[in-house]
């Protein structure tokens, strides 16, 4: 199933309310959806590419993840 950006944003809001460590796993899954379905991962991104709505959402989700420091 292909998700629209609005649907991914809605899922992001819901997932943000869950507890760790499930929250970070679910956020990572949303990032994978953005990578596969919206092409948010590029080796040599242009300035225009970095300003797209999909990439901005990807960055927001990536920054929301929490990793336990050892």
Protein backbone atom coordinates (compact mmCIF):
# COMPACT_ATOMS: atom_id res chain seq x y z
CA UNK A 1 0.00 0.00 0.00
CA UNK A 2 1.32 3.41 -0.96
CA UNK A 3 0.93 6.04 1.73
CA UNK A 4 0.38 9.73 1.01
CA UNK A 5 2.49 12.21 2.96
CA UNK A 6 -0.58 13.29 4.94
CA UNK A 7 -1.16 9.69 6.03
CA UNK A 8 2.45 9.35 7.13
CA UNK A 9 2.17 12.61 9.09
CA UNK A 10 -0.94 11.29 10.85
CA UNK A 11 0.88 8.06 11.71
CA UNK A 12 3.84 10.12 12.99
CA UNK A 13 1.58 12.05 15.37
CA UNK A 14 0.06 8.81 16.71
CA UNK A 15 3.42 7.06 17.05
CA UNK A 16 4.91 10.06 18.86
CA UNK A 17 2.53 9.41 21.75
CA UNK A 18 3.71 5.82 22.30
CA UNK A 19 6.37 4.80 24.81
CA UNK A 20 9.96 3.80 24.15
CA UNK A 21 11.43 1.58 22.78
CA UNK A 22 8.43 0.82 20.54
CA UNK A 23 8.20 4.51 19.60
CA UNK A 24 11.66 4.65 18.02
CA UNK A 25 11.11 1.35 16.17
CA UNK A 26 7.84 2.65 14.72
CA UNK A 27 9.43 5.97 13.76
CA UNK A 28 12.19 4.08 11.95
CA UNK A 29 9.52 2.10 10.08
CA UNK A 30 7.92 5.38 8.96
CA UNK A 31 11.31 6.55 7.72
CA UNK A 32 11.65 3.36 5.68
CA UNK A 33 8.26 4.00 4.10
CA UNK A 34 9.37 7.51 3.13
CA UNK A 35 12.61 6.14 1.68
CA UNK A 36 10.90 3.47 -0.41
CA UNK A 37 7.72 5.22 -1.47
CA UNK A 38 8.79 8.86 -1.65
CA UNK A 39 12.50 8.54 -2.48
CA UNK A 40 13.73 10.56 0.48
CA UNK A 41 17.18 8.98 0.52
CA UNK A 42 19.69 10.11 -2.12
CA UNK A 43 23.46 9.89 -2.27
CA UNK A 44 23.97 13.37 -3.70
CA UNK A 45 20.90 15.43 -2.83
CA UNK A 46 20.36 18.84 -4.37
CA UNK A 47 19.23 21.89 -2.42
CA UNK A 48 15.81 21.64 -4.08
CA UNK A 49 15.51 17.99 -3.09
CA UNK A 50 16.35 18.80 0.54
CA UNK A 51 13.56 21.39 0.60
CA UNK A 52 10.80 18.99 -0.46
CA UNK A 53 7.99 18.24 1.97
CA UNK A 54 8.85 14.54 2.04
CA UNK A 55 12.48 15.17 3.03
CA UNK A 56 11.49 17.68 5.70
CA UNK A 57 9.09 15.14 7.20
CA UNK A 58 11.81 12.48 7.02
CA UNK A 59 14.22 14.74 8.90
CA UNK A 60 11.60 15.59 11.52
CA UNK A 61 10.89 11.91 12.15
CA UNK A 62 14.61 11.08 12.22
CA UNK A 63 15.26 13.78 14.81
CA UNK A 64 12.38 12.56 16.98
CA UNK A 65 13.97 9.14 17.53
CA UNK A 66 15.66 8.38 20.85
CA UNK A 67 18.68 6.14 21.15
CA UNK A 68 19.84 4.85 24.50
CA UNK A 69 23.41 5.85 25.20
CA UNK A 70 25.68 3.15 26.54
